[in-house]
Amino acid sequence: MKITAGGGKTKGGVGARARVVDAPVASMGDGFEDYDDDAEAEDDDVVGERALEIADQGRGATVKSVEFVQACASLAGCPKPTLPEIAVIGRSNVGKSSLVNMLTNRKSIAKTSKNPGKTQTINHYKMITGAGSYYLVDLPGYGFANAPEALREKWAEFTREYLLKRETLITVMLLIDSTVKPQRLDLECLDWLGAAGIPVTIVFTKVDKRKKIAAGKRANPQETMEEFCREAMDNWDWDELPPMIYTSSETAEGKREVLNHIASLRQFFKKPLKEDFVKSIQGDAGASVADANVVDDDENDFDDDGDDDDDDEIFEDFDDDEPEDDWNK
């Protein structure tokens, strides 16, 4: 497995797309001071240095209207691949539906529930901006143990197929709950996306929350985000993490940053994606993309040993030492 200077893991041969491993970013080292004024300065480094700070994209980041297009349970059932797509994925109850509602300016276009597992299909929302349209795609949450095994396997199968084969997918926003300790499934999902060469942005949710975790003690979002980053870098072989945004659906924290990020990537979209997509971002986005990687369409050896084995099973089993279907646990 290769670790790139640009902050992503790549393996050759994912579909027929050129993918950007790292998104345009700029340093914002003091990005979390408001959340914990007593924190030591160095605690901000791991998260802050990857926090997105992109120039305002104007009309491209202004959502004029949104349409729920359709829900589907297979790649074949998805809308025709005519628009760029930004997928949202994360553990059940991480706040995916709430984030979708925040980005679309609609309170209930995506149904929220206190019971995890509400999203059971691939849901496409057409986002119409002042500078064109794109699809925001809400994927089923993972880690929902109460669903029947057959249903969980079905979710995993069509989600994996979508992520690996959807030609118009330009980036995945991996949502991480900032109020809980680093979760193995989140780290495995991040690792899988990196190994597949899929561009990813980490989006921390619920940064306004202070959940009670013990008697007289509440979770500190900044501390848990820092812990997640350290865990990923120390134990999951990431030299440099993907860019990240911190959000709150309650206060709309991070909303503009997410929309600007999407707009900055969407303006370079071409179908099918080619190498000039990477070059355009490097030259025109106003921020560096260090050693961005493009998947070689001629290489379909998805594993390190050089063979052409079908490695789709990685999505079902993130940890080869534990053959159980971790994605669905």
C-alpha atoms as a PDB file:
ATOM      1  CA  MET A   1       0.000   0.000   0.000  1.00  0.00           C
ATOM      2  CA  LYS A   2       1.354   3.411  -0.954  1.00  0.00           C
ATOM      3  CA  ILE A   3       1.116   6.414   1.336  1.00  0.00           C
ATOM      4  CA  THR A   4       1.229   9.625  -0.675  1.00  0.00           C
ATOM      5  CA  ALA A   5       2.677  12.944   0.348  1.00  0.00           C
ATOM      6  CA  GLY A   6      -0.673  14.427  -0.509  1.00  0.00           C
ATOM      7  CA  GLY A   7      -2.353  12.650   2.350  1.00  0.00           C
ATOM      8  CA  GLY A   8      -4.094   9.696   0.729  1.00  0.00           C
ATOM      9  CA  LYS A   9      -3.642   5.974   0.325  1.00  0.00           C
ATOM     10  CA  THR A  10      -4.008   4.766  -3.206  1.00  0.00           C
ATOM     11  CA  LYS A  11      -4.308   1.464  -4.980  1.00  0.00           C
ATOM     12  CA  GLY A  12      -4.511   1.250  -8.714  1.00  0.00           C
ATOM     13  CA  GLY A  13      -7.472   0.502 -10.877  1.00  0.00           C
ATOM     14  CA  VAL A  14     -10.730   1.712  -9.379  1.00  0.00           C
ATOM     15  CA  GLY A  15     -13.278   2.009 -12.146  1.00  0.00           C
ATOM     16  CA  ALA A  16     -12.508   4.183 -15.183  1.00  0.00           C
ATOM     17  CA  ARG A  17     -12.240   7.493 -13.409  1.00  0.00           C
ATOM     18  CA  ALA A  18      -9.374   9.756 -12.549  1.00  0.00           C
ATOM     19  CA  ARG A  19      -9.668  10.565  -8.856  1.00  0.00           C
ATOM     20  CA  VAL A  20      -8.137  13.304  -6.755  1.00  0.00           C
ATOM     21  CA  VAL A  21      -6.744  11.922  -3.532  1.00  0.00           C
ATOM     22  CA  ASP A  22      -6.415  15.298  -1.826  1.00  0.00           C
ATOM     23  CA  ALA A  23      -8.703  18.319  -2.060  1.00  0.00           C
ATOM     24  CA  PRO A  24      -7.621  21.979  -2.121  1.00  0.00           C
ATOM     25  CA  VAL A  25      -6.746  23.049   1.402  1.00  0.00           C
ATOM     26  CA  ALA A  26      -5.001  25.808   3.274  1.00  0.00           C
ATOM     27  CA  SER A  27      -3.708  25.922   6.834  1.00  0.00           C
ATOM     28  CA  MET A  28      -5.963  27.129   9.606  1.00  0.00           C
ATOM     29  CA  GLY A  29      -4.057  26.229  12.741  1.00  0.00           C
ATOM     30  CA  ASP A  30      -6.249  28.095  15.241  1.00  0.00           C
ATOM     31  CA  GLY A  31      -9.513  26.691  13.923  1.00  0.00           C
ATOM     32  CA  PHE A  32     -10.662  25.225  17.234  1.00  0.00           C
ATOM     33  CA  GLU A  33      -9.790  27.848  19.813  1.00  0.00           C
ATOM     34  CA  ASP A  34     -13.427  28.799  20.309  1.00  0.00           C
ATOM     35  CA  TYR A  35     -14.296  25.317  21.498  1.00  0.00           C
ATOM     36  CA  ASP A  36     -11.719  25.042  24.275  1.00  0.00           C
ATOM     37  CA  ASP A  37      -9.937  28.187  25.337  1.00  0.00           C
ATOM     38  CA  ASP A  38      -7.908  26.247  27.911  1.00  0.00           C
ATOM     39  CA  ALA A  39      -6.476  23.781  25.418  1.00  0.00           C
ATOM     40  CA  GLU A  40      -2.759  23.889  24.736  1.00  0.00           C
ATOM     41  CA  ALA A  41      -1.784  25.420  21.417  1.00  0.00           C
ATOM     42  CA  GLU A  42      -0.215  22.261  20.041  1.00  0.00           C
ATOM     43  CA  ASP A  43      -3.495  20.379  20.446  1.00  0.00           C
ATOM     44  CA  ASP A  44      -4.864  22.324  17.481  1.00  0.00           C
ATOM     45  CA  ASP A  45      -2.140  21.240  15.084  1.00  0.00           C
ATOM     46  CA  VAL A  46      -3.372  17.815  13.979  1.00  0.00           C
ATOM     47  CA  VAL A  47      -6.894  18.917  13.114  1.00  0.00           C
ATOM     48  CA  GLY A  48      -6.294  22.580  12.382  1.00  0.00           C
ATOM     49  CA  GLU A  49      -3.619  22.079   9.756  1.00  0.00           C
ATOM     50  CA  ARG A  50      -6.050  20.072   7.619  1.00  0.00           C
ATOM     51  CA  ALA A  51      -9.140  22.235   8.223  1.00  0.00           C
ATOM     52  CA  LEU A  52     -10.486  23.569   4.964  1.00  0.00           C
ATOM     53  CA  GLU A  53     -10.264  27.255   4.224  1.00  0.00           C
ATOM     54  CA  ILE A  54     -11.400  27.837   0.647  1.00  0.00           C
ATOM     55  CA  ALA A  55     -12.210  31.148  -0.974  1.00  0.00           C
ATOM     56  CA  ASP A  56     -15.914  31.899  -1.166  1.00  0.00           C
ATOM     57  CA  GLN A  57     -17.272  30.396  -4.372  1.00  0.00           C
ATOM     58  CA  GLY A  58     -20.113  32.907  -4.698  1.00  0.00           C
ATOM     59  CA  ARG A  59     -23.000  31.683  -6.831  1.00  0.00           C
ATOM     60  CA  GLY A  60     -21.540  28.193  -7.042  1.00  0.00           C
ATOM     61  CA  ALA A  61     -21.943  27.791  -3.290  1.00  0.00           C
ATOM     62  CA  THR A  62     -25.406  29.368  -3.168  1.00  0.00           C
ATOM     63  CA  VAL A  63     -28.181  26.775  -3.248  1.00  0.00           C
ATOM     64  CA  LYS A  64     -31.183  28.267  -5.041  1.00  0.00           C
ATOM     65  CA  SER A  65     -33.390  25.191  -4.862  1.00  0.00           C
ATOM     66  CA  VAL A  66     -33.231  21.469  -4.228  1.00  0.00           C
ATOM     67  CA  GLU A  67     -35.164  18.519  -5.579  1.00  0.00           C
ATOM     68  CA  PHE A  68     -35.414  15.027  -4.161  1.00  0.00           C
ATOM     69  CA  VAL A  69     -34.855  12.956  -7.291  1.00  0.00           C
ATOM     70  CA  GLN A  70     -35.203   9.344  -6.241  1.00  0.00           C
ATOM     71  CA  ALA A  71     -34.266   6.579  -3.844  1.00  0.00           C
ATOM     72  CA  CYS A  72     -32.714   3.428  -5.222  1.00  0.00           C
ATOM     73  CA  ALA A  73     -31.326   0.154  -3.924  1.00  0.00           C
ATOM     74  CA  SER A  74     -28.805  -0.551  -6.679  1.00  0.00           C
ATOM     75  CA  LEU A  75     -26.319   1.237  -8.890  1.00  0.00           C
ATOM     76  CA  ALA A  76     -28.442   0.423 -11.919  1.00  0.00           C
ATOM     77  CA  GLY A  77     -31.355   2.268 -10.341  1.00  0.00           C
ATOM     78  CA  CYS A  78     -29.437   5.524  -9.886  1.00  0.00           C
ATOM     79  CA  PRO A  79     -30.225   8.561 -12.063  1.00  0.00           C
ATOM     80  CA  LYS A  80     -28.413   8.855 -15.385  1.00  0.00           C
ATOM     81  CA  PRO A  81     -24.797   9.926 -14.710  1.00  0.00           C
ATOM     82  CA  THR A  82     -25.043  13.422 -16.137  1.00  0.00           C
ATOM     83  CA  LEU A  83     -24.134  15.537 -13.089  1.00  0.00           C
ATOM     84  CA  PRO A  84     -21.228  15.483 -10.644  1.00  0.00           C
ATOM     85  CA  GLU A  85     -22.046  13.661  -7.410  1.00  0.00           C
ATOM     86  CA  ILE A  86     -20.944  14.256  -3.837  1.00  0.00           C
ATOM     87  CA  ALA A  87     -21.688  11.324  -1.544  1.00  0.00           C
ATOM     88  CA  VAL A  88     -22.297  11.493   2.199  1.00  0.00           C
ATOM     89  CA  ILE A  89     -21.480   8.439   4.294  1.00  0.00           C
ATOM     90  CA  GLY A  90     -21.042   7.641   7.980  1.00  0.00           C
ATOM     91  CA  ARG A  91     -22.181   5.537  10.891  1.00  0.00           C
ATOM     92  CA  SER A  92     -25.879   5.319  11.626  1.00  0.00           C
ATOM     93  CA  ASN A  93     -27.016   8.315  13.683  1.00  0.00           C
ATOM     94  CA  VAL A  94     -23.895  10.346  12.885  1.00  0.00           C
ATOM     95  CA  GLY A  95     -26.110  13.134  11.577  1.00  0.00           C
ATOM     96  CA  LYS A  96     -26.145  12.473   7.821  1.00  0.00           C
ATOM     97  CA  SER A  97     -29.779  13.426   7.325  1.00  0.00           C
ATOM     98  CA  SER A  98     -29.355  16.521   9.491  1.00  0.00           C
ATOM     99  CA  LEU A  99     -26.356  17.598   7.410  1.00  0.00           C
ATOM    100  CA  VAL A 100     -28.317  17.083   4.186  1.00  0.00           C
ATOM    101  CA  ASN A 101     -31.163  19.197   5.577  1.00  0.00           C
ATOM    102  CA  MET A 102     -28.719  21.927   6.587  1.00  0.00           C
ATOM    103  CA  LEU A 103     -27.034  22.034   3.181  1.00  0.00           C
ATOM    104  CA  THR A 104     -30.341  22.058   1.309  1.00  0.00           C
ATOM    105  CA  ASN A 105     -32.000  24.688   3.520  1.00  0.00           C
ATOM    106  CA  ARG A 106     -34.865  22.254   4.048  1.00  0.00           C
ATOM    107  CA  LYS A 107     -35.834  21.082   7.517  1.00  0.00           C
ATOM    108  CA  SER A 108     -37.080  17.644   6.565  1.00  0.00           C
ATOM    109  CA  ILE A 109     -36.165  16.817   2.971  1.00  0.00           C
ATOM    110  CA  ALA A 110     -34.087  14.026   4.512  1.00  0.00           C
ATOM    111  CA  LYS A 111     -36.009  12.278   7.266  1.00  0.00           C
ATOM    112  CA  THR A 112     -34.236  12.274  10.616  1.00  0.00           C
ATOM    113  CA  SER A 113     -34.828   9.817  13.421  1.00  0.00           C
ATOM    114  CA  LYS A 114     -33.498   9.027  16.878  1.00  0.00           C
ATOM    115  CA  ASN A 115     -33.479   5.399  15.773  1.00  0.00           C
ATOM    116  CA  PRO A 116     -30.418   4.605  13.629  1.00  0.00           C
ATOM    117  CA  GLY A 117     -30.801   3.079  10.191  1.00  0.00           C
ATOM    118  CA  LYS A 118     -33.433   5.458   8.799  1.00  0.00           C
ATOM    119  CA  THR A 119     -31.629   5.762   5.458  1.00  0.00           C
ATOM    120  CA  GLN A 120     -31.847   2.382   3.733  1.00  0.00           C
ATOM    121  CA  THR A 121     -31.430   3.433   0.104  1.00  0.00           C
ATOM    122  CA  ILE A 122     -29.171   5.591  -2.043  1.00  0.00           C
ATOM    123  CA  ASN A 123     -30.951   8.943  -2.069  1.00  0.00           C
ATOM    124  CA  HIS A 124     -30.181  11.526  -4.751  1.00  0.00           C
ATOM    125  CA  TYR A 125     -30.894  15.216  -4.159  1.00  0.00           C
ATOM    126  CA  LYS A 126     -30.444  17.635  -7.036  1.00  0.00           C
ATOM    127  CA  MET A 127     -28.755  20.775  -5.753  1.00  0.00           C
ATOM    128  CA  ILE A 128     -29.413  23.727  -8.056  1.00  0.00           C
ATOM    129  CA  THR A 129     -26.964  26.586  -7.530  1.00  0.00           C
ATOM    130  CA  GLY A 130     -26.355  29.901  -9.224  1.00  0.00           C
ATOM    131  CA  ALA A 131     -23.609  28.239 -11.269  1.00  0.00           C
ATOM    132  CA  GLY A 132     -25.021  24.859 -12.204  1.00  0.00           C
ATOM    133  CA  SER A 133     -26.304  21.707 -10.551  1.00  0.00           C
ATOM    134  CA  TYR A 134     -24.982  18.589  -8.870  1.00  0.00           C
ATOM    135  CA  TYR A 135     -26.281  15.598  -6.941  1.00  0.00           C
ATOM    136  CA  LEU A 136     -25.876  15.329  -3.190  1.00  0.00           C
ATOM    137  CA  VAL A 137     -26.090  11.596  -2.481  1.00  0.00           C
ATOM    138  CA  ASP A 138     -27.103  10.273   0.939  1.00  0.00           C
ATOM    139  CA  LEU A 139     -25.834   6.710   1.418  1.00  0.00           C
ATOM    140  CA  PRO A 140     -27.094   4.187   4.004  1.00  0.00           C
ATOM    141  CA  GLY A 141     -25.361   4.419   7.359  1.00  0.00           C
ATOM    142  CA  TYR A 142     -23.084   1.636   8.503  1.00  0.00           C
ATOM    143  CA  GLY A 143     -22.805   0.074  11.943  1.00  0.00           C
ATOM    144  CA  PHE A 144     -26.550  -0.454  12.450  1.00  0.00           C
ATOM    145  CA  ALA A 145     -26.598  -3.808  14.259  1.00  0.00           C
ATOM    146  CA  ASN A 146     -30.372  -4.055  14.773  1.00  0.00           C
ATOM    147  CA  ALA A 147     -31.212  -4.524  11.102  1.00  0.00           C
ATOM    148  CA  PRO A 148     -31.591  -8.099   9.816  1.00  0.00           C
ATOM    149  CA  GLU A 149     -28.325  -9.543   8.546  1.00  0.00           C
ATOM    150  CA  ALA A 150     -29.650 -10.008   5.019  1.00  0.00           C
ATOM    151  CA  LEU A 151     -30.666  -6.346   4.880  1.00  0.00           C
ATOM    152  CA  ARG A 152     -27.300  -5.182   6.207  1.00  0.00           C
ATOM    153  CA  GLU A 153     -25.529  -7.271   3.586  1.00  0.00           C
ATOM    154  CA  LYS A 154     -27.721  -5.737   0.891  1.00  0.00           C
ATOM    155  CA  TRP A 155     -26.885  -2.204   2.086  1.00  0.00           C
ATOM    156  CA  ALA A 156     -23.169  -3.008   2.055  1.00  0.00           C
ATOM    157  CA  GLU A 157     -23.326  -4.540  -1.412  1.00  0.00           C
ATOM    158  CA  PHE A 158     -24.997  -1.681  -3.231  1.00  0.00           C
ATOM    159  CA  THR A 159     -23.105   0.974  -1.278  1.00  0.00           C
ATOM    160  CA  ARG A 160     -19.789  -0.653  -2.196  1.00  0.00           C
ATOM    161  CA  GLU A 161     -20.850  -0.937  -5.826  1.00  0.00           C
ATOM    162  CA  TYR A 162     -21.861   2.711  -5.926  1.00  0.00           C
ATOM    163  CA  LEU A 163     -18.590   3.941  -4.416  1.00  0.00           C
ATOM    164  CA  LEU A 164     -16.386   1.868  -6.704  1.00  0.00           C
ATOM    165  CA  LYS A 165     -18.253   2.159  -9.989  1.00  0.00           C
ATOM    166  CA  ARG A 166     -20.181   5.434 -10.093  1.00  0.00           C
ATOM    167  CA  GLU A 167     -18.342   7.392 -12.785  1.00  0.00           C
ATOM    168  CA  THR A 168     -19.673  10.800 -11.770  1.00  0.00           C
ATOM    169  CA  LEU A 169     -18.724  10.520  -8.087  1.00  0.00           C
ATOM    170  CA  ILE A 170     -16.110  13.214  -7.463  1.00  0.00           C
ATOM    171  CA  THR A 171     -15.723  13.054  -3.686  1.00  0.00           C
ATOM    172  CA  VAL A 172     -17.027  11.377  -0.537  1.00  0.00           C
ATOM    173  CA  MET A 173     -17.736  13.250   2.666  1.00  0.00           C
ATOM    174  CA  LEU A 174     -17.077  10.865   5.554  1.00  0.00           C
ATOM    175  CA  LEU A 175     -19.048  12.048   8.580  1.00  0.00           C
ATOM    176  CA  ILE A 176     -17.495  11.505  12.010  1.00  0.00           C
ATOM    177  CA  ASP A 177     -19.344  12.157  15.287  1.00  0.00           C
ATOM    178  CA  SER A 178     -17.157  14.584  17.237  1.00  0.00           C
ATOM    179  CA  THR A 179     -18.849  13.701  20.539  1.00  0.00           C
ATOM    180  CA  VAL A 180     -17.647  10.109  20.760  1.00  0.00           C
ATOM    181  CA  LYS A 181     -14.268   8.438  20.999  1.00  0.00           C
ATOM    182  CA  PRO A 182     -12.706   7.192  17.746  1.00  0.00           C
ATOM    183  CA  GLN A 183     -14.762   4.311  16.406  1.00  0.00           C
ATOM    184  CA  ARG A 184     -13.150   1.346  14.689  1.00  0.00           C
ATOM    185  CA  LEU A 185     -15.746   1.300  11.911  1.00  0.00           C
ATOM    186  CA  ASP A 186     -15.064   4.947  11.082  1.00  0.00           C
ATOM    187  CA  LEU A 187     -11.335   4.318  10.903  1.00  0.00           C
ATOM    188  CA  GLU A 188     -11.901   1.232   8.761  1.00  0.00           C
ATOM    189  CA  CYS A 189     -14.169   3.150   6.408  1.00  0.00           C
ATOM    190  CA  LEU A 190     -11.566   5.907   6.050  1.00  0.00           C
ATOM    191  CA  ASP A 191      -8.917   3.267   5.415  1.00  0.00           C
ATOM    192  CA  TRP A 192     -11.064   1.529   2.796  1.00  0.00           C
ATOM    193  CA  LEU A 193     -11.798   4.759   0.936  1.00  0.00           C
ATOM    194  CA  GLY A 194      -8.103   5.610   0.913  1.00  0.00           C
ATOM    195  CA  ALA A 195      -7.110   2.151  -0.296  1.00  0.00           C
ATOM    196  CA  ALA A 196      -9.674   2.432  -3.092  1.00  0.00           C
ATOM    197  CA  GLY A 197      -8.246   5.782  -4.176  1.00  0.00           C
ATOM    198  CA  ILE A 198     -11.545   7.546  -3.544  1.00  0.00           C
ATOM    199  CA  PRO A 199     -11.202  11.273  -2.731  1.00  0.00           C
ATOM    200  CA  VAL A 200     -12.491  11.879   0.766  1.00  0.00           C
ATOM    201  CA  THR A 201     -13.104  14.812   3.082  1.00  0.00           C
ATOM    202  CA  ILE A 202     -13.605  14.205   6.789  1.00  0.00           C
ATOM    203  CA  VAL A 203     -16.625  16.098   8.087  1.00  0.00           C
ATOM    204  CA  PHE A 204     -16.904  16.189  11.863  1.00  0.00           C
ATOM    205  CA  THR A 205     -20.498  16.573  13.059  1.00  0.00           C
ATOM    206  CA  LYS A 206     -22.149  17.792  16.272  1.00  0.00           C
ATOM    207  CA  VAL A 207     -19.250  20.067  17.241  1.00  0.00           C
ATOM    208  CA  ASP A 208     -21.649  22.125  19.365  1.00  0.00           C
ATOM    209  CA  LYS A 209     -22.493  19.152  21.609  1.00  0.00           C
ATOM    210  CA  ARG A 210     -21.056  18.310  25.010  1.00  0.00           C
ATOM    211  CA  LYS A 211     -22.368  14.799  25.601  1.00  0.00           C
ATOM    212  CA  LYS A 212     -22.190  13.438  29.133  1.00  0.00           C
ATOM    213  CA  ILE A 213     -19.682  10.574  29.119  1.00  0.00           C
ATOM    214  CA  ALA A 214     -19.222  10.060  32.868  1.00  0.00           C
ATOM    215  CA  ALA A 215     -20.281  11.517  36.185  1.00  0.00           C
ATOM    216  CA  GLY A 216     -19.382  15.191  36.039  1.00  0.00           C
ATOM    217  CA  LYS A 217     -17.617  14.822  32.694  1.00  0.00           C
ATOM    218  CA  ARG A 218     -18.720  15.716  29.183  1.00  0.00           C
ATOM    219  CA  ALA A 219     -17.134  14.977  25.843  1.00  0.00           C
ATOM    220  CA  ASN A 220     -14.998  17.732  24.381  1.00  0.00           C
ATOM    221  CA  PRO A 221     -15.383  17.776  20.569  1.00  0.00           C
ATOM    222  CA  GLN A 222     -11.929  19.202  20.027  1.00  0.00           C
ATOM    223  CA  GLU A 223     -10.303  16.486  22.103  1.00  0.00           C
ATOM    224  CA  THR A 224     -12.188  13.675  20.377  1.00  0.00           C
ATOM    225  CA  MET A 225     -11.376  15.062  16.930  1.00  0.00           C
ATOM    226  CA  GLU A 226      -7.702  15.303  17.835  1.00  0.00           C
ATOM    227  CA  GLU A 227      -7.815  11.753  19.170  1.00  0.00           C
ATOM    228  CA  PHE A 228      -9.391  10.480  15.955  1.00  0.00           C
ATOM    229  CA  CYS A 229      -6.684  12.139  13.867  1.00  0.00           C
ATOM    230  CA  ARG A 230      -3.877  10.778  16.023  1.00  0.00           C
ATOM    231  CA  GLU A 231      -5.377   7.286  15.900  1.00  0.00           C
ATOM    232  CA  ALA A 232      -5.623   7.397  12.105  1.00  0.00           C
ATOM    233  CA  MET A 233      -2.051   8.613  11.701  1.00  0.00           C
ATOM    234  CA  ASP A 234      -0.419   6.448  14.367  1.00  0.00           C
ATOM    235  CA  ASN A 235      -2.217   3.152  13.815  1.00  0.00           C
ATOM    236  CA  TRP A 236      -3.726   3.283  10.320  1.00  0.00           C
ATOM    237  CA  ASP A 237      -0.690   4.325   8.268  1.00  0.00           C
ATOM    238  CA  TRP A 238      -1.830   7.781   7.185  1.00  0.00           C
ATOM    239  CA  ASP A 239       1.164  10.070   6.714  1.00  0.00           C
ATOM    240  CA  GLU A 240      -1.145  13.002   6.206  1.00  0.00           C
ATOM    241  CA  LEU A 241      -4.889  13.032   6.685  1.00  0.00           C
ATOM    242  CA  PRO A 242      -7.482  14.200   4.160  1.00  0.00           C
ATOM    243  CA  PRO A 243      -8.837  17.736   4.558  1.00  0.00           C
ATOM    244  CA  MET A 244     -11.518  18.170   7.173  1.00  0.00           C
ATOM    245  CA  ILE A 245     -14.441  20.418   8.039  1.00  0.00           C
ATOM    246  CA  TYR A 246     -16.196  20.710  11.394  1.00  0.00           C
ATOM    247  CA  THR A 247     -19.952  21.209  11.399  1.00  0.00           C
ATOM    248  CA  SER A 248     -23.085  21.556  13.482  1.00  0.00           C
ATOM    249  CA  SER A 249     -26.553  21.142  12.022  1.00  0.00           C
ATOM    250  CA  GLU A 250     -27.945  22.981  15.057  1.00  0.00           C
ATOM    251  CA  THR A 251     -25.934  26.169  14.586  1.00  0.00           C
ATOM    252  CA  ALA A 252     -25.126  25.816  10.847  1.00  0.00           C
ATOM    253  CA  GLU A 253     -21.426  25.818  11.740  1.00  0.00           C
ATOM    254  CA  GLY A 254     -19.429  24.728   8.699  1.00  0.00           C
ATOM    255  CA  LYS A 255     -22.312  24.980   6.233  1.00  0.00           C
ATOM    256  CA  ARG A 256     -20.634  27.583   4.045  1.00  0.00           C
ATOM    257  CA  GLU A 257     -17.319  25.733   4.191  1.00  0.00           C
ATOM    258  CA  VAL A 258     -18.936  22.517   2.943  1.00  0.00           C
ATOM    259  CA  LEU A 259     -20.773  24.304   0.115  1.00  0.00           C
ATOM    260  CA  ASN A 260     -17.619  26.191  -0.913  1.00  0.00           C
ATOM    261  CA  HIS A 261     -15.664  22.942  -0.886  1.00  0.00           C
ATOM    262  CA  ILE A 262     -18.218  21.235  -3.114  1.00  0.00           C
ATOM    263  CA  ALA A 263     -18.326  24.214  -5.483  1.00  0.00           C
ATOM    264  CA  SER A 264     -14.530  24.340  -5.758  1.00  0.00           C
ATOM    265  CA  LEU A 265     -14.440  20.702  -6.880  1.00  0.00           C
ATOM    266  CA  ARG A 266     -17.568  20.768  -9.006  1.00  0.00           C
ATOM    267  CA  GLN A 267     -16.351  23.508 -11.324  1.00  0.00           C
ATOM    268  CA  PHE A 268     -13.668  21.187 -12.698  1.00  0.00           C
ATOM    269  CA  PHE A 269     -16.039  18.302 -13.335  1.00  0.00           C
ATOM    270  CA  LYS A 270     -15.939  16.590 -16.696  1.00  0.00           C
ATOM    271  CA  LYS A 271     -17.428  13.277 -17.689  1.00  0.00           C
ATOM    272  CA  PRO A 272     -15.608  11.001 -17.683  1.00  0.00           C
ATOM    273  CA  LEU A 273     -13.088  12.494 -15.290  1.00  0.00           C
ATOM    274  CA  LYS A 274      -9.649  12.853 -16.817  1.00  0.00           C
ATOM    275  CA  GLU A 275      -6.182  13.771 -15.616  1.00  0.00           C
ATOM    276  CA  ASP A 276      -6.802  17.426 -16.459  1.00  0.00           C
ATOM    277  CA  PHE A 277      -9.275  17.432 -13.549  1.00  0.00           C
ATOM    278  CA  VAL A 278      -6.324  17.054 -11.209  1.00  0.00           C
ATOM    279  CA  LYS A 279      -4.222  19.583 -13.111  1.00  0.00           C
ATOM    280  CA  SER A 280      -7.043  22.128 -13.075  1.00  0.00           C
ATOM    281  CA  ILE A 281      -7.423  21.880  -9.316  1.00  0.00           C
ATOM    282  CA  GLN A 282      -3.690  22.164  -8.789  1.00  0.00           C
ATOM    283  CA  GLY A 283      -3.415  25.223 -11.001  1.00  0.00           C
ATOM    284  CA  ASP A 284      -6.637  27.126 -10.423  1.00  0.00           C
ATOM    285  CA  ALA A 285      -8.121  26.355  -7.013  1.00  0.00           C
ATOM    286  CA  GLY A 286      -5.981  28.824  -5.093  1.00  0.00           C
ATOM    287  CA  ALA A 287      -4.531  26.167  -2.785  1.00  0.00           C
ATOM    288  CA  SER A 288      -1.960  23.436  -3.245  1.00  0.00           C
ATOM    289  CA  VAL A 289      -2.666  19.790  -3.836  1.00  0.00           C
ATOM    290  CA  ALA A 290       0.563  18.047  -2.947  1.00  0.00           C
ATOM    291  CA  ASP A 291       1.280  15.046  -5.129  1.00  0.00           C
ATOM    292  CA  ALA A 292      -2.362  14.394  -5.987  1.00  0.00           C
ATOM    293  CA  ASN A 293      -2.770  10.916  -7.393  1.00  0.00           C
ATOM    294  CA  VAL A 294      -4.672   9.781 -10.449  1.00  0.00           C
ATOM    295  CA  VAL A 295      -5.823   6.209 -10.741  1.00  0.00           C
ATOM    296  CA  ASP A 296      -4.261   4.481 -13.730  1.00  0.00           C
ATOM    297  CA  ASP A 297      -7.176   3.154 -15.737  1.00  0.00           C
ATOM    298  CA  ASP A 298      -4.974   0.392 -17.139  1.00  0.00           C
ATOM    299  CA  GLU A 299      -4.103  -0.993 -13.729  1.00  0.00           C
ATOM    300  CA  ASN A 300      -6.769  -3.071 -12.108  1.00  0.00           C
ATOM    301  CA  ASP A 301      -4.568  -4.698  -9.484  1.00  0.00           C
ATOM    302  CA  PHE A 302      -6.486  -3.483  -6.475  1.00  0.00           C
ATOM    303  CA  ASP A 303      -4.219  -5.346  -4.078  1.00  0.00           C
ATOM    304  CA  ASP A 304      -0.548  -5.081  -3.228  1.00  0.00           C
ATOM    305  CA  ASP A 305       0.559  -8.487  -4.425  1.00  0.00           C
ATOM    306  CA  GLY A 306       0.175  -7.520  -8.076  1.00  0.00           C
ATOM    307  CA  ASP A 307      -2.582  -9.951  -9.020  1.00  0.00           C
ATOM    308  CA  ASP A 308      -5.970  -9.130 -10.421  1.00  0.00           C
ATOM    309  CA  ASP A 309      -8.051 -10.693  -7.670  1.00  0.00           C
ATOM    310  CA  ASP A 310     -11.412  -9.163  -7.018  1.00  0.00           C
ATOM    311  CA  ASP A 311     -10.907  -7.088  -3.898  1.00  0.00           C
ATOM    312  CA  ASP A 312     -14.480  -5.855  -3.598  1.00  0.00           C
ATOM    313  CA  GLU A 313     -14.708  -7.932  -0.436  1.00  0.00           C
ATOM    314  CA  ILE A 314     -12.632  -5.289   1.337  1.00  0.00           C
ATOM    315  CA  PHE A 315     -15.842  -3.338   1.735  1.00  0.00           C
ATOM    316  CA  GLU A 316     -17.459  -6.255   3.530  1.00  0.00           C
ATOM    317  CA  ASP A 317     -14.448  -7.028   5.695  1.00  0.00           C
ATOM    318  CA  PHE A 318     -12.197  -4.116   6.544  1.00  0.00           C
ATOM    319  CA  ASP A 319      -9.920  -6.173   8.794  1.00  0.00           C
ATOM    320  CA  ASP A 320      -8.447  -9.280   7.194  1.00  0.00           C
ATOM    321  CA  ASP A 321      -7.655 -10.668  10.636  1.00  0.00           C
ATOM    322  CA  GLU A 322     -11.331 -10.694  11.518  1.00  0.00           C
ATOM    323  CA  PRO A 323     -13.394 -12.238   8.724  1.00  0.00           C
ATOM    324  CA  GLU A 324     -16.711 -11.041  10.039  1.00  0.00           C
ATOM    325  CA  ASP A 325     -18.592  -8.441   8.047  1.00  0.00           C
ATOM    326  CA  ASP A 326     -17.394  -5.430  10.015  1.00  0.00           C
ATOM    327  CA  TRP A 327     -19.108  -2.920   7.738  1.00  0.00           C
ATOM    328  CA  ASN A 328     -22.500  -4.197   8.778  1.00  0.00           C
ATOM    329  CA  LYS A 329     -21.871  -4.522  12.502  1.00  0.00           C
END
